[in-house]
Amino acid sequence: MALYRTYRPLAFVDVVGQDHIVTTLEQAVMQDKLSHAYLFAGSRGTGKTSVARILAKHIMTHGIPDGPLKQQIIKGIEEGSLVDLLEIDAASNRSIDDVRDLIEKIQFSPVVAAAKVYIIDEAHMLTKDAFNALLKTLEEPPEYAHFILATTELHKIPSTIQSRCQTFPFRPIEEEDIVRRLQYIADQEHITVDREALRLVARHVEGGLRDAISLLDQMRSLPKITVQDVEQRIGVSGHEHIERVVDAIQRNDPPALLDAVQALEEAGVPLDLFLRSLLTLIRSELHHAIAEKKPITEHMHALDILLEAVRDLRLAPVPGLVVEAALLALCAPAGKERGRAEILPAKAAEKVEKKK
């Protein structure tokens, strides 16, 4: 089993880096002030789904004394087999028909648990009609029904939905918290790893603990995980390829750009981490442009393109094609070379290295 599944938090005490949320939810449980609708918002890998399942345990066992039934419910939630808990990935179940099917099931009382809980992941992917159908249920939910929506893009959730939910912002997890968790997992799994290697992983995942654990999992078979091993895995040593890509964009040279992307893939530089490096560069230039009171239209356009590519990459059958399309879109039309040059600095590779 993958390490991130083995070490998924099973109780509030296990949650890393979200103390402000855990404290509030624990108090709500103790004071019997549970809401019928929650909205968890934050970047990927920060614990939204894990906390949703933990909260579901408390909701679904409320009023049930310790014993076989309570243990059965908790085990069913952890294994994903409990009929009264329905988890939906809105990225693939986003239509009005999917939501109507969910609403029909709500009409039936819970079979085993004290309540029914619906966890809707990637909730921002629901269609407008699906949101409208869901809104009616959120306005007058059955007493036994609770909803937990999770999203990485809060701004795409309609205000009418947000107003009917208790919203909790999940923060990117601090580097030290990630390092401590990785060290704990390494000790439990008898993985030998340099502390500095863990720090490099923590810096690179930008607050996403799940990504950090996945990286550790990929290297666990090594005799000892060193900084050099991490650099090779995450592509820090591939900064020269990043420089080639940036140079091709600045020169508005699509053939050179495609060659650079191919070299990037052949070198084994992870495409998602490469895109994040570009985002970091453009963000830095955006802040500089704002400070200098320069136009930022091109910066915002570039950020939109790359952010969409990062989202699409996860489900793409051909990831390289997503990256190529995004980078080609960044190539300047005729007469726009100067604007493109300003959003991607000439010393790109040096800035990438400094960020690491």
Protein backbone atom coordinates (compact mmCIF):
# COMPACT_ATOMS: atom_id res chain seq x y z
CA MET A 1 0.00 0.00 0.00
CA ALA A 2 1.22 3.52 -0.80
CA LEU A 3 2.68 5.35 2.19
CA TYR A 4 0.26 8.27 1.91
CA ARG A 5 -2.61 5.79 2.34
CA THR A 6 -0.92 3.94 5.18
CA TYR A 7 -0.30 7.17 7.07
CA ARG A 8 -3.53 8.98 6.23
CA PRO A 9 -4.84 10.68 9.41
CA LEU A 10 -7.57 8.64 11.10
CA ALA A 11 -8.32 11.03 13.96
CA PHE A 12 -8.13 14.78 14.55
CA VAL A 13 -4.97 14.32 16.62
CA ASP A 14 -3.21 12.88 13.55
CA VAL A 15 -3.89 15.89 11.30
CA VAL A 16 -0.75 17.87 10.45
CA GLY A 17 -0.56 21.64 10.10
CA GLN A 18 -4.26 22.53 10.37
CA ASP A 19 -4.60 23.18 14.10
CA HIS A 20 -6.92 26.16 13.59
CA ILE A 21 -9.43 23.93 11.80
CA VAL A 22 -9.07 20.89 14.02
CA THR A 23 -9.65 22.93 17.19
CA THR A 24 -12.84 24.48 15.81
CA LEU A 25 -14.25 21.16 14.62
CA GLU A 26 -13.41 19.39 17.88
CA GLN A 27 -15.26 22.09 19.83
CA ALA A 28 -18.25 21.76 17.51
CA VAL A 29 -18.32 18.00 18.15
CA MET A 30 -18.02 18.39 21.92
CA GLN A 31 -20.69 21.10 22.07
CA ASP A 32 -23.01 19.22 19.70
CA LYS A 33 -23.04 22.14 17.25
CA LEU A 34 -22.44 20.29 14.00
CA SER A 35 -23.48 21.97 10.76
CA HIS A 36 -25.35 20.35 7.88
CA ALA A 37 -22.90 21.75 5.32
CA TYR A 38 -19.15 22.35 5.37
CA LEU A 39 -16.84 23.72 2.70
CA PHE A 40 -13.15 22.84 2.92
CA ALA A 41 -10.96 24.98 0.66
CA GLY A 42 -7.23 24.79 0.08
CA SER A 43 -4.44 23.56 -2.15
CA ARG A 44 -3.98 19.87 -2.92
CA GLY A 45 -2.48 17.60 -0.31
CA THR A 46 -3.31 19.76 2.70
CA GLY A 47 -5.74 17.33 4.36
CA LYS A 48 -9.19 18.36 3.13
CA THR A 49 -10.49 14.87 2.32
CA SER A 50 -8.82 13.30 5.36
CA VAL A 51 -10.41 15.83 7.72
CA ALA A 52 -13.74 15.32 5.94
CA ARG A 53 -13.62 11.59 6.70
CA ILE A 54 -12.61 12.20 10.31
CA LEU A 55 -15.48 14.65 10.73
CA ALA A 56 -17.79 12.10 9.11
CA LYS A 57 -16.82 9.59 11.82
CA HIS A 58 -17.99 11.97 14.53
CA ILE A 59 -21.19 12.89 12.71
CA MET A 60 -22.12 9.30 11.88
CA THR A 61 -21.40 7.90 15.35
CA HIS A 62 -23.05 10.76 17.24
CA GLY A 63 -25.08 9.35 20.11
CA ILE A 64 -23.96 5.78 19.46
CA PRO A 65 -22.29 4.25 22.54
CA ASP A 66 -18.90 2.56 22.35
CA GLY A 67 -19.27 -1.00 21.16
CA PRO A 68 -19.42 -3.24 18.08
CA LEU A 69 -21.81 -0.98 16.12
CA LYS A 70 -19.65 2.11 16.56
CA GLN A 71 -16.55 0.13 15.62
CA GLN A 72 -18.33 -1.21 12.54
CA ILE A 73 -19.25 2.31 11.39
CA ILE A 74 -15.73 3.65 11.91
CA LYS A 75 -14.19 0.70 10.09
CA GLY A 76 -16.64 1.14 7.22
CA ILE A 77 -15.70 4.81 6.87
CA GLU A 78 -11.98 4.03 6.87
CA GLU A 79 -12.40 1.26 4.29
CA GLY A 80 -14.86 3.23 2.16
CA SER A 81 -17.47 0.49 2.43
CA LEU A 82 -20.13 2.15 4.62
CA VAL A 83 -23.37 2.55 2.70
CA ASP A 84 -24.34 5.70 4.62
CA LEU A 85 -21.19 7.54 3.49
CA LEU A 86 -21.11 8.62 -0.14
CA GLU A 87 -17.94 10.13 -1.60
CA ILE A 88 -18.25 11.80 -4.99
CA ASP A 89 -15.48 13.08 -7.24
CA ALA A 90 -17.10 16.04 -8.96
CA ALA A 91 -14.39 15.99 -11.62
CA SER A 92 -16.03 12.89 -13.11
CA ASN A 93 -19.54 13.11 -11.60
CA ARG A 94 -20.44 16.73 -12.24
CA SER A 95 -23.71 16.72 -14.16
CA ILE A 96 -27.23 17.56 -13.06
CA ASP A 97 -28.14 13.87 -13.35
CA ASP A 98 -25.37 12.89 -10.94
CA VAL A 99 -26.59 15.41 -8.37
CA ARG A 100 -30.21 14.36 -8.85
CA ASP A 101 -29.19 10.76 -8.19
CA LEU A 102 -27.50 11.94 -4.99
CA ILE A 103 -30.59 13.89 -3.94
CA GLU A 104 -32.82 10.87 -4.51
CA LYS A 105 -30.64 8.80 -2.19
CA ILE A 106 -30.88 11.48 0.50
CA GLN A 107 -34.59 10.77 0.88
CA PHE A 108 -33.78 7.42 2.51
CA SER A 109 -32.82 7.36 6.18
CA PRO A 110 -29.39 6.04 7.20
CA VAL A 111 -29.12 2.25 7.27
CA VAL A 112 -26.46 1.73 9.93
CA ALA A 113 -25.06 5.05 11.11
CA ALA A 114 -26.64 7.90 13.04
CA ALA A 115 -26.52 10.13 9.94
CA LYS A 116 -25.73 10.16 6.24
CA VAL A 117 -22.69 12.10 5.03
CA TYR A 118 -21.94 13.19 1.48
CA ILE A 119 -18.36 14.19 0.68
CA ILE A 120 -18.07 16.01 -2.66
CA ASP A 121 -14.43 16.34 -3.74
CA GLU A 122 -13.36 18.90 -6.37
CA ALA A 123 -16.75 20.54 -5.83
CA HIS A 124 -15.87 23.48 -8.08
CA MET A 125 -16.15 21.11 -11.07
CA LEU A 126 -19.94 20.79 -10.72
CA THR A 127 -21.97 22.33 -13.52
CA LYS A 128 -24.20 25.36 -12.95
CA ASP A 129 -27.33 23.20 -13.11
CA ALA A 130 -25.79 20.73 -10.67
CA PHE A 131 -25.03 23.55 -8.22
CA ASN A 132 -28.61 24.82 -8.50
CA ALA A 133 -29.98 21.36 -7.73
CA LEU A 134 -27.61 20.98 -4.79
CA LEU A 135 -28.57 24.42 -3.47
CA LYS A 136 -32.18 23.37 -2.97
CA THR A 137 -31.08 20.46 -0.80
CA LEU A 138 -28.64 22.60 1.19
CA GLU A 139 -31.43 25.07 1.94
CA GLU A 140 -33.66 22.40 3.51
CA PRO A 141 -31.60 19.28 4.22
CA PRO A 142 -33.10 16.28 6.00
CA GLU A 143 -32.20 16.22 9.68
CA TYR A 144 -29.92 13.21 9.17
CA ALA A 145 -28.04 14.52 6.08
CA HIS A 146 -24.70 16.33 6.15
CA PHE A 147 -22.59 17.64 3.27
CA ILE A 148 -18.84 18.23 3.15
CA LEU A 149 -17.59 19.95 0.00
CA ALA A 150 -13.87 20.09 -0.78
CA THR A 151 -12.29 22.36 -3.36
CA THR A 152 -8.95 23.70 -4.50
CA GLU A 153 -10.66 26.67 -6.18
CA LEU A 154 -12.96 28.43 -3.73
CA HIS A 155 -13.64 31.30 -6.13
CA LYS A 156 -15.46 28.91 -8.47
CA ILE A 157 -17.98 27.89 -5.81
CA PRO A 158 -21.15 30.02 -6.22
CA SER A 159 -21.74 32.50 -3.42
CA THR A 160 -25.19 30.99 -2.85
CA ILE A 161 -23.52 27.67 -1.99
CA GLN A 162 -20.81 29.28 0.14
CA SER A 163 -23.37 31.21 2.18
CA ARG A 164 -25.02 27.95 3.26
CA CYS A 165 -21.79 26.27 4.32
CA GLN A 166 -19.33 26.71 7.14
CA THR A 167 -16.13 27.44 5.23
CA PHE A 168 -12.71 26.33 6.48
CA PRO A 169 -9.53 27.53 4.72
CA PHE A 170 -6.82 24.86 4.70
CA ARG A 171 -3.37 26.43 4.78
CA PRO A 172 -0.29 25.11 2.98
CA ILE A 173 1.51 23.00 5.57
CA GLU A 174 4.65 24.52 7.09
CA GLU A 175 7.98 23.05 6.00
CA GLU A 176 8.97 22.04 9.54
CA ASP A 177 5.66 20.21 10.02
CA ILE A 178 6.24 18.32 6.77
CA VAL A 179 9.81 17.42 7.77
CA ARG A 180 8.67 16.11 11.16
CA ARG A 181 5.95 13.98 9.56
CA LEU A 182 8.33 12.59 6.93
CA GLN A 183 10.89 11.76 9.61
CA TYR A 184 8.22 9.95 11.64
CA ILE A 185 7.19 7.88 8.60
CA ALA A 186 10.82 7.14 7.74
CA ASP A 187 11.44 5.91 11.30
CA GLN A 188 8.34 3.72 11.27
CA GLU A 189 9.23 2.22 7.88
CA HIS A 190 12.96 1.87 8.68
CA ILE A 191 13.90 4.22 5.85
CA THR A 192 17.35 5.79 6.18
CA VAL A 193 17.28 9.40 5.02
CA ASP A 194 19.31 12.56 5.52
CA ARG A 195 17.48 15.33 7.35
CA GLU A 196 18.54 17.82 4.67
CA ALA A 197 17.00 15.58 2.02
CA LEU A 198 13.68 15.80 3.88
CA ARG A 199 14.02 19.58 4.04
CA LEU A 200 14.52 19.72 0.28
CA VAL A 201 11.40 17.63 -0.25
CA ALA A 202 9.42 19.87 2.11
CA ARG A 203 10.54 23.04 0.31
CA HIS A 204 9.71 21.60 -3.07
CA VAL A 205 6.12 20.43 -2.44
CA GLU A 206 4.98 23.92 -1.42
CA GLY A 207 2.80 22.91 1.51
CA GLY A 208 1.39 19.67 0.09
CA LEU A 209 2.06 16.86 2.57
CA ARG A 210 0.60 14.16 0.32
CA ASP A 211 3.07 15.03 -2.44
CA ALA A 212 5.91 14.95 0.07
CA ILE A 213 4.95 11.48 1.32
CA SER A 214 4.62 10.25 -2.26
CA LEU A 215 8.14 11.45 -3.04
CA LEU A 216 9.46 9.65 0.02
CA ASP A 217 7.62 6.52 -1.12
CA GLN A 218 9.26 6.68 -4.55
CA MET A 219 12.73 6.67 -2.98
CA ARG A 220 12.18 4.24 -0.10
CA SER A 221 14.01 1.37 -1.83
CA LEU A 222 17.30 3.30 -1.84
CA PRO A 223 19.92 2.25 0.75
CA LYS A 224 20.01 5.82 2.04
CA ILE A 225 18.12 8.82 0.69
CA THR A 226 20.46 11.77 0.19
CA VAL A 227 20.04 15.33 -1.04
CA GLN A 228 21.41 14.22 -4.40
CA ASP A 229 18.75 11.50 -4.66
CA VAL A 230 16.01 14.05 -4.00
CA GLU A 231 17.48 16.49 -6.51
CA GLN A 232 17.52 13.80 -9.17
CA ARG A 233 13.95 12.76 -8.39
CA ILE A 234 12.38 16.21 -8.39
CA GLY A 235 14.44 17.58 -11.24
CA VAL A 236 16.42 20.28 -9.48
CA SER A 237 19.41 19.16 -11.54
CA GLY A 238 17.33 19.83 -14.67
CA HIS A 239 17.41 23.62 -14.31
CA GLU A 240 19.30 23.88 -17.60
CA HIS A 241 16.23 22.42 -19.34
CA ILE A 242 14.06 25.06 -17.68
CA GLU A 243 16.41 27.72 -19.02
CA ARG A 244 16.04 26.29 -22.54
CA VAL A 245 12.25 26.45 -22.31
CA VAL A 246 12.28 30.01 -21.01
CA ASP A 247 14.70 31.07 -23.73
CA ALA A 248 12.48 29.54 -26.44
CA ILE A 249 9.43 31.37 -25.07
CA GLN A 250 11.28 34.68 -24.97
CA ARG A 251 12.42 34.24 -28.58
CA ASN A 252 8.94 33.13 -29.71
CA ASP A 253 10.49 29.98 -31.19
CA PRO A 254 7.92 27.12 -31.15
CA PRO A 255 10.24 24.48 -32.73
CA ALA A 256 12.94 25.19 -30.15
CA LEU A 257 10.29 25.11 -27.43
CA LEU A 258 9.07 21.65 -28.46
CA ASP A 259 12.67 20.40 -28.57
CA ALA A 260 13.24 21.79 -25.09
CA VAL A 261 10.12 20.07 -23.71
CA GLN A 262 11.22 16.78 -25.26
CA ALA A 263 14.64 17.13 -23.66
CA LEU A 264 12.91 17.95 -20.37
CA GLU A 265 10.92 14.70 -20.50
CA GLU A 266 13.91 12.63 -21.55
CA ALA A 267 15.84 14.00 -18.57
CA GLY A 268 13.08 12.77 -16.25
CA VAL A 269 12.18 16.20 -14.87
CA PRO A 270 8.63 15.86 -13.41
CA LEU A 271 6.32 17.98 -15.55
CA ASP A 272 4.13 19.19 -12.69
CA LEU A 273 7.13 20.41 -10.74
CA PHE A 274 8.52 22.08 -13.85
CA LEU A 275 5.26 24.01 -14.31
CA ARG A 276 5.36 25.06 -10.68
CA SER A 277 8.88 26.39 -11.18
CA LEU A 278 7.63 28.53 -14.07
CA LEU A 279 4.71 29.72 -11.93
CA THR A 280 7.15 30.73 -9.21
CA LEU A 281 9.20 32.73 -11.71
CA ILE A 282 6.19 34.53 -13.14
CA ARG A 283 4.81 35.23 -9.68
CA SER A 284 8.11 36.85 -8.74
CA GLU A 285 8.05 38.99 -11.88
CA LEU A 286 4.40 39.89 -11.20
CA HIS A 287 5.28 41.18 -7.75
CA HIS A 288 8.17 43.16 -9.24
CA ALA A 289 5.91 44.66 -11.92
CA ILE A 290 3.34 45.69 -9.30
CA ALA A 291 6.06 47.32 -7.20
CA GLU A 292 7.31 49.20 -10.28
CA LYS A 293 3.73 50.11 -11.27
CA LYS A 294 4.11 48.40 -14.64
CA PRO A 295 1.32 46.67 -16.62
CA ILE A 296 0.53 43.15 -15.39
CA THR A 297 -1.91 41.95 -18.06
CA GLU A 298 0.66 39.61 -19.63
CA HIS A 299 1.65 38.22 -16.24
CA MET A 300 -1.96 37.40 -15.35
CA HIS A 301 -2.52 35.79 -18.76
CA ALA A 302 0.56 33.61 -18.30
CA LEU A 303 -0.50 32.60 -14.80
CA ASP A 304 -3.96 31.60 -16.06
CA ILE A 305 -2.43 29.41 -18.77
CA LEU A 306 0.00 27.65 -16.45
CA LEU A 307 -2.47 27.19 -13.58
CA GLU A 308 -4.92 25.55 -15.98
CA ALA A 309 -2.13 23.29 -17.24
CA VAL A 310 -1.25 22.22 -13.68
CA ARG A 311 -4.91 21.30 -13.09
CA ASP A 312 -5.23 19.43 -16.39
CA LEU A 313 -1.98 17.54 -15.95
CA ARG A 314 -3.36 15.26 -13.24
CA LEU A 315 -6.02 13.72 -15.49
CA ALA A 316 -4.27 14.04 -18.84
CA PRO A 317 -3.71 10.81 -20.85
CA VAL A 318 -0.66 12.47 -22.47
CA PRO A 319 0.86 14.86 -19.89
CA GLY A 320 3.55 16.12 -22.25
CA LEU A 321 0.88 17.39 -24.63
CA VAL A 322 -0.66 19.52 -21.88
CA VAL A 323 2.71 21.12 -21.16
CA GLU A 324 3.45 21.71 -24.85
CA ALA A 325 0.07 23.34 -25.44
CA ALA A 326 0.47 25.63 -22.42
CA LEU A 327 3.98 26.71 -23.36
CA LEU A 328 3.07 27.28 -26.99
CA ALA A 329 0.25 29.53 -25.76
CA LEU A 330 2.87 31.55 -23.89
CA CYS A 331 4.85 32.16 -27.07
CA ALA A 332 4.28 35.75 -28.08
CA PRO A 333 2.26 36.70 -31.14
CA ALA A 334 4.05 39.01 -33.58
CA GLY A 335 5.05 42.25 -31.93
CA LYS A 336 4.64 40.92 -28.38
CA GLU A 337 8.18 39.67 -27.77
CA ARG A 338 8.97 42.43 -25.29
CA GLY A 339 5.95 41.66 -23.12
CA ARG A 340 6.85 37.97 -22.97
CA ALA A 341 10.44 38.75 -22.10
CA GLU A 342 9.28 40.83 -19.15
CA ILE A 343 7.16 38.08 -17.59
CA LEU A 344 10.00 35.52 -17.72
CA PRO A 345 13.36 36.85 -16.54
CA ALA A 346 16.52 36.14 -18.49
CA LYS A 347 18.19 34.64 -15.43
CA ALA A 348 15.39 32.12 -14.99
CA ALA A 349 17.56 29.17 -14.09
CA GLU A 350 19.32 31.12 -11.35
CA LYS A 351 15.98 32.10 -9.80
CA VAL A 352 14.80 28.48 -9.90
CA GLU A 353 17.90 27.42 -8.03
CA LYS A 354 17.46 30.15 -5.42
CA LYS A 355 13.87 29.05 -4.80
CA LYS A 356 15.08 25.51 -4.08
